[in-house]
C-alpha atoms as a PDB file:
ATOM      1  CA  UNK A   1       0.019  -0.260  -0.072  1.00  0.00           C
ATOM      2  CA  UNK A   2       1.441   3.484  -0.945  1.00  0.00           C
ATOM      3  CA  UNK A   3       1.454   6.248   1.768  1.00  0.00           C
ATOM      4  CA  UNK A   4       1.059   9.659   0.383  1.00  0.00           C
ATOM      5  CA  UNK A   5       2.413  12.882   2.427  1.00  0.00           C
ATOM      6  CA  UNK A   6       0.204  15.791   3.295  1.00  0.00           C
ATOM      7  CA  UNK A   7       1.853  18.138   0.678  1.00  0.00           C
ATOM      8  CA  UNK A   8       1.158  15.852  -2.253  1.00  0.00           C
ATOM      9  CA  UNK A   9      -2.413  14.856  -1.459  1.00  0.00           C
ATOM     10  CA  UNK A  10      -4.480  18.153  -1.863  1.00  0.00           C
ATOM     11  CA  UNK A  11      -7.767  16.838  -3.258  1.00  0.00           C
ATOM     12  CA  UNK A  12     -10.210  14.555  -1.221  1.00  0.00           C
ATOM     13  CA  UNK A  13     -10.336  12.707  -4.362  1.00  0.00           C
ATOM     14  CA  UNK A  14      -7.140  11.081  -3.723  1.00  0.00           C
ATOM     15  CA  UNK A  15      -7.805  10.118  -0.131  1.00  0.00           C
ATOM     16  CA  UNK A  16     -11.127   8.515  -1.756  1.00  0.00           C
ATOM     17  CA  UNK A  17      -8.953   6.456  -3.728  1.00  0.00           C
ATOM     18  CA  UNK A  18      -6.555   5.547  -0.977  1.00  0.00           C
ATOM     19  CA  UNK A  19      -9.452   4.634   1.141  1.00  0.00           C
ATOM     20  CA  UNK A  20     -11.879   3.273  -1.114  1.00  0.00           C
ATOM     21  CA  UNK A  21     -11.174  -0.366  -0.449  1.00  0.00           C
ATOM     22  CA  UNK A  22     -12.330   0.162   3.361  1.00  0.00           C
ATOM     23  CA  UNK A  23     -14.745   3.396   2.927  1.00  0.00           C
ATOM     24  CA  UNK A  24     -17.549   1.480   4.986  1.00  0.00           C
ATOM     25  CA  UNK A  25     -15.030   1.396   8.003  1.00  0.00           C
ATOM     26  CA  UNK A  26     -13.690   4.823   7.454  1.00  0.00           C
ATOM     27  CA  UNK A  27     -15.280   7.390   9.644  1.00  0.00           C
ATOM     28  CA  UNK A  28     -13.017  10.154   9.013  1.00  0.00           C
ATOM     29  CA  UNK A  29     -13.365  11.548   5.296  1.00  0.00           C
ATOM     30  CA  UNK A  30     -11.761  14.182   3.606  1.00  0.00           C
ATOM     31  CA  UNK A  31      -8.718  16.588   4.881  1.00  0.00           C
ATOM     32  CA  UNK A  32      -8.646  15.188   8.347  1.00  0.00           C
ATOM     33  CA  UNK A  33      -7.630  11.754   6.810  1.00  0.00           C
ATOM     34  CA  UNK A  34      -4.575  13.361   5.540  1.00  0.00           C
ATOM     35  CA  UNK A  35      -3.378  13.896   8.861  1.00  0.00           C
ATOM     36  CA  UNK A  36      -4.060  10.466   9.970  1.00  0.00           C
ATOM     37  CA  UNK A  37      -2.618   8.482   7.159  1.00  0.00           C
ATOM     38  CA  UNK A  38      -5.118   5.687   6.675  1.00  0.00           C
ATOM     39  CA  UNK A  39      -5.555   4.765  10.415  1.00  0.00           C
ATOM     40  CA  UNK A  40      -8.864   5.249  10.245  1.00  0.00           C
ATOM     41  CA  UNK A  41      -9.387   2.801   7.236  1.00  0.00           C
ATOM     42  CA  UNK A  42      -8.603  -0.170   9.288  1.00  0.00           C
ATOM     43  CA  UNK A  43      -4.986  -0.919   8.825  1.00  0.00           C
ATOM     44  CA  UNK A  44      -4.658  -2.617  12.108  1.00  0.00           C
ATOM     45  CA  UNK A  45      -7.104  -5.163  11.485  1.00  0.00           C
ATOM     46  CA  UNK A  46      -6.978  -8.283  13.252  1.00  0.00           C
ATOM     47  CA  UNK A  47      -5.690 -11.240  11.165  1.00  0.00           C
ATOM     48  CA  UNK A  48      -8.217 -13.835  10.106  1.00  0.00           C
ATOM     49  CA  UNK A  49      -8.980 -17.203  12.010  1.00  0.00           C
ATOM     50  CA  UNK A  50      -6.911 -20.257  11.094  1.00  0.00           C
ATOM     51  CA  UNK A  51      -8.797 -22.427   8.786  1.00  0.00           C
ATOM     52  CA  UNK A  52      -8.841 -26.050   9.038  1.00  0.00           C
ATOM     53  CA  UNK A  53      -9.169 -27.985   5.642  1.00  0.00           C
ATOM     54  CA  UNK A  54      -9.378 -31.716   6.062  1.00  0.00           C
ATOM     55  CA  UNK A  55      -8.072 -33.727   3.338  1.00  0.00           C
ATOM     56  CA  UNK A  56      -9.397 -37.211   2.545  1.00  0.00           C
ATOM     57  CA  UNK A  57      -5.798 -38.733   2.000  1.00  0.00           C
ATOM     58  CA  UNK A  58      -3.265 -38.809   4.909  1.00  0.00           C
ATOM     59  CA  UNK A  59       0.442 -38.349   3.994  1.00  0.00           C
ATOM     60  CA  UNK A  60       3.280 -38.746   6.256  1.00  0.00           C
ATOM     61  CA  UNK A  61       5.309 -35.558   5.288  1.00  0.00           C
ATOM     62  CA  UNK A  62       3.002 -32.442   5.981  1.00  0.00           C
ATOM     63  CA  UNK A  63       4.170 -28.821   5.474  1.00  0.00           C
ATOM     64  CA  UNK A  64       5.978 -27.655   8.579  1.00  0.00           C
ATOM     65  CA  UNK A  65       7.573 -31.240   9.147  1.00  0.00           C
ATOM     66  CA  UNK A  66      11.117 -31.264   9.533  1.00  0.00           C
ATOM     67  CA  UNK A  67      13.431 -33.692   7.674  1.00  0.00           C
ATOM     68  CA  UNK A  68      17.264 -34.190   8.838  1.00  0.00           C
ATOM     69  CA  UNK A  69      16.817 -30.343  10.131  1.00  0.00           C
ATOM     70  CA  UNK A  70      15.315 -28.682   6.912  1.00  0.00           C
ATOM     71  CA  UNK A  71      11.657 -27.285   7.186  1.00  0.00           C
ATOM     72  CA  UNK A  72       9.222 -28.688   4.599  1.00  0.00           C
ATOM     73  CA  UNK A  73       7.560 -25.793   2.904  1.00  0.00           C
ATOM     74  CA  UNK A  74       4.914 -27.621   0.703  1.00  0.00           C
ATOM     75  CA  UNK A  75       3.540 -31.327   0.632  1.00  0.00           C
ATOM     76  CA  UNK A  76       1.837 -33.877  -1.047  1.00  0.00           C
ATOM     77  CA  UNK A  77       3.824 -35.891  -3.783  1.00  0.00           C
ATOM     78  CA  UNK A  78       5.960 -32.584  -4.699  1.00  0.00           C
ATOM     79  CA  UNK A  79       7.450 -31.908  -1.691  1.00  0.00           C
ATOM     80  CA  UNK A  80       9.374 -28.417  -1.088  1.00  0.00           C
ATOM     81  CA  UNK A  81      12.231 -28.467   1.431  1.00  0.00           C
ATOM     82  CA  UNK A  82      13.871 -25.335   2.652  1.00  0.00           C
ATOM     83  CA  UNK A  83      17.526 -26.163   1.947  1.00  0.00           C
ATOM     84  CA  UNK A  84      19.109 -22.345   3.087  1.00  0.00           C
ATOM     85  CA  UNK A  85      22.008 -22.994   0.569  1.00  0.00           C
ATOM     86  CA  UNK A  86      22.851 -26.504   2.031  1.00  0.00           C
ATOM     87  CA  UNK A  87      24.025 -29.470   0.128  1.00  0.00           C
ATOM     88  CA  UNK A  88      22.079 -32.653  -1.327  1.00  0.00           C
ATOM     89  CA  UNK A  89      23.818 -35.880  -1.356  1.00  0.00           C
ATOM     90  CA  UNK A  90      23.300 -38.958  -3.550  1.00  0.00           C
ATOM     91  CA  UNK A  91      21.143 -41.633  -1.691  1.00  0.00           C
ATOM     92  CA  UNK A  92      22.699 -44.639  -3.744  1.00  0.00           C
ATOM     93  CA  UNK A  93      25.274 -44.988  -6.601  1.00  0.00           C
ATOM     94  CA  UNK A  94      23.364 -43.660  -9.799  1.00  0.00           C
ATOM     95  CA  UNK A  95      22.952 -41.391 -12.780  1.00  0.00           C
ATOM     96  CA  UNK A  96      21.643 -37.798 -12.535  1.00  0.00           C
ATOM     97  CA  UNK A  97      20.298 -36.221 -15.915  1.00  0.00           C
ATOM     98  CA  UNK A  98      18.895 -32.871 -16.625  1.00  0.00           C
ATOM     99  CA  UNK A  99      15.474 -32.574 -17.606  1.00  0.00           C
ATOM    100  CA  UNK A 100      13.382 -29.759 -18.986  1.00  0.00           C
ATOM    101  CA  UNK A 101      13.402 -26.617 -16.797  1.00  0.00           C
ATOM    102  CA  UNK A 102      15.230 -26.255 -13.436  1.00  0.00           C
ATOM    103  CA  UNK A 103      14.980 -29.990 -12.532  1.00  0.00           C
ATOM    104  CA  UNK A 104      17.370 -33.348 -12.903  1.00  0.00           C
ATOM    105  CA  UNK A 105      16.539 -36.783 -12.542  1.00  0.00           C
ATOM    106  CA  UNK A 106      18.350 -38.973 -10.292  1.00  0.00           C
ATOM    107  CA  UNK A 107      18.195 -42.964 -11.115  1.00  0.00           C
ATOM    108  CA  UNK A 108      19.958 -46.014  -9.681  1.00  0.00           C
ATOM    109  CA  UNK A 109      19.950 -49.759 -10.243  1.00  0.00           C
ATOM    110  CA  UNK A 110      19.531 -50.215  -6.505  1.00  0.00           C
ATOM    111  CA  UNK A 111      15.851 -48.891  -6.970  1.00  0.00           C
ATOM    112  CA  UNK A 112      15.270 -49.533 -10.660  1.00  0.00           C
ATOM    113  CA  UNK A 113      11.443 -48.814 -10.666  1.00  0.00           C
ATOM    114  CA  UNK A 114      12.089 -45.316  -9.349  1.00  0.00           C
ATOM    115  CA  UNK A 115      13.155 -41.958 -10.385  1.00  0.00           C
ATOM    116  CA  UNK A 116      13.763 -39.189  -8.158  1.00  0.00           C
ATOM    117  CA  UNK A 117      13.063 -35.714  -9.782  1.00  0.00           C
ATOM    118  CA  UNK A 118      15.062 -32.759  -7.858  1.00  0.00           C
ATOM    119  CA  UNK A 119      14.385 -29.110  -8.989  1.00  0.00           C
ATOM    120  CA  UNK A 120      15.904 -25.916  -7.770  1.00  0.00           C
ATOM    121  CA  UNK A 121      19.623 -27.368  -7.266  1.00  0.00           C
ATOM    122  CA  UNK A 122      22.146 -24.851  -8.367  1.00  0.00           C
ATOM    123  CA  UNK A 123      25.013 -26.641 -10.714  1.00  0.00           C
ATOM    124  CA  UNK A 124      23.905 -29.988 -10.227  1.00  0.00           C
ATOM    125  CA  UNK A 125      26.329 -32.786 -10.846  1.00  0.00           C
ATOM    126  CA  UNK A 126      25.477 -34.574 -13.923  1.00  0.00           C
ATOM    127  CA  UNK A 127      26.335 -38.344 -15.143  1.00  0.00           C
ATOM    128  CA  UNK A 128      27.459 -41.094 -12.826  1.00  0.00           C
ATOM    129  CA  UNK A 129      27.535 -40.267  -8.986  1.00  0.00           C
ATOM    130  CA  UNK A 130      28.545 -42.212  -6.091  1.00  0.00           C
ATOM    131  CA  UNK A 131      26.387 -42.787  -2.765  1.00  0.00           C
ATOM    132  CA  UNK A 132      27.103 -39.679  -0.652  1.00  0.00           C
ATOM    133  CA  UNK A 133      28.346 -37.690  -3.261  1.00  0.00           C
ATOM    134  CA  UNK A 134      27.330 -33.786  -3.276  1.00  0.00           C
ATOM    135  CA  UNK A 135      24.585 -33.720  -5.853  1.00  0.00           C
ATOM    136  CA  UNK A 136      24.155 -29.913  -5.582  1.00  0.00           C
ATOM    137  CA  UNK A 137      22.676 -27.149  -3.361  1.00  0.00           C
ATOM    138  CA  UNK A 138      20.107 -24.606  -3.346  1.00  0.00           C
ATOM    139  CA  UNK A 139      17.773 -22.319  -1.573  1.00  0.00           C
ATOM    140  CA  UNK A 140      14.604 -24.728  -1.826  1.00  0.00           C
ATOM    141  CA  UNK A 141      14.588 -27.864  -3.188  1.00  0.00           C
ATOM    142  CA  UNK A 142      11.446 -29.333  -4.882  1.00  0.00           C
ATOM    143  CA  UNK A 143      11.469 -33.219  -4.657  1.00  0.00           C
ATOM    144  CA  UNK A 144       9.317 -35.775  -6.356  1.00  0.00           C
ATOM    145  CA  UNK A 145       9.533 -39.617  -6.301  1.00  0.00           C
ATOM    146  CA  UNK A 146       8.332 -41.403  -9.561  1.00  0.00           C
ATOM    147  CA  UNK A 147       7.501 -44.948  -9.878  1.00  0.00           C
ATOM    148  CA  UNK A 148       7.425 -46.739 -13.180  1.00  0.00           C
ATOM    149  CA  UNK A 149       3.902 -48.365 -13.840  1.00  0.00           C
ATOM    150  CA  UNK A 150       3.452 -51.540 -15.834  1.00  0.00           C
ATOM    151  CA  UNK A 151       2.141 -49.631 -18.729  1.00  0.00           C
ATOM    152  CA  UNK A 152       5.740 -47.713 -18.887  1.00  0.00           C
ATOM    153  CA  UNK A 153       4.281 -44.434 -17.645  1.00  0.00           C
ATOM    154  CA  UNK A 154       5.606 -42.991 -14.281  1.00  0.00           C
ATOM    155  CA  UNK A 155       3.380 -42.063 -11.458  1.00  0.00           C
ATOM    156  CA  UNK A 156       4.215 -39.415  -8.752  1.00  0.00           C
ATOM    157  CA  UNK A 157       4.206 -41.255  -5.161  1.00  0.00           C
ATOM    158  CA  UNK A 158       5.029 -40.179  -1.680  1.00  0.00           C
ATOM    159  CA  UNK A 159       8.331 -40.339  -1.047  1.00  0.00           C
ATOM    160  CA  UNK A 160       9.556 -41.939   2.089  1.00  0.00           C
ATOM    161  CA  UNK A 161      11.184 -39.900   4.974  1.00  0.00           C
ATOM    162  CA  UNK A 162      14.231 -42.061   4.899  1.00  0.00           C
ATOM    163  CA  UNK A 163      15.068 -41.576   1.280  1.00  0.00           C
ATOM    164  CA  UNK A 164      14.764 -37.839   2.033  1.00  0.00           C
ATOM    165  CA  UNK A 165      17.003 -38.008   5.070  1.00  0.00           C
ATOM    166  CA  UNK A 166      19.821 -39.870   2.812  1.00  0.00           C
ATOM    167  CA  UNK A 167      19.404 -36.908   0.381  1.00  0.00           C
ATOM    168  CA  UNK A 168      19.595 -34.142   3.091  1.00  0.00           C
ATOM    169  CA  UNK A 169      22.405 -35.775   5.580  1.00  0.00           C
ATOM    170  CA  UNK A 170      25.981 -36.177   4.824  1.00  0.00           C
ATOM    171  CA  UNK A 171      26.815 -40.021   5.166  1.00  0.00           C
END
């Protein structure tokens, strides 16, 4: 919201524009509102009450959870983790390949039916990687686990906390 100085606001029109979204709560209208910048328009409102949104499915990892000391920012099957510049490690020996956008895919013969999609890593290690090798670092890691279906397509599945811990902790 933009605050205007008294000298720049000379007409009631500008005051009206500034207070138009709260006109019904603005008991002071006109020149007096210029000396009390927007205070009469309800700037100090109470925050809205928390809303509970029950979801049919339950997931082990929820926004606000912590994994290996990192806060989960978003959840469901694509998990966003606050890395704060920290490293991400290879959970197994495997391959890192780039994908479209800001993502890479990790695959490993140790878990052949799964791909790990990692988005948000700066300068990721590509090619062959060894378990425990740094895959990259970033501010926020967007992570998804994909499982190969019988028809050859990939489906997003809930990642395990143990796997995420291996990605986030130095061996």
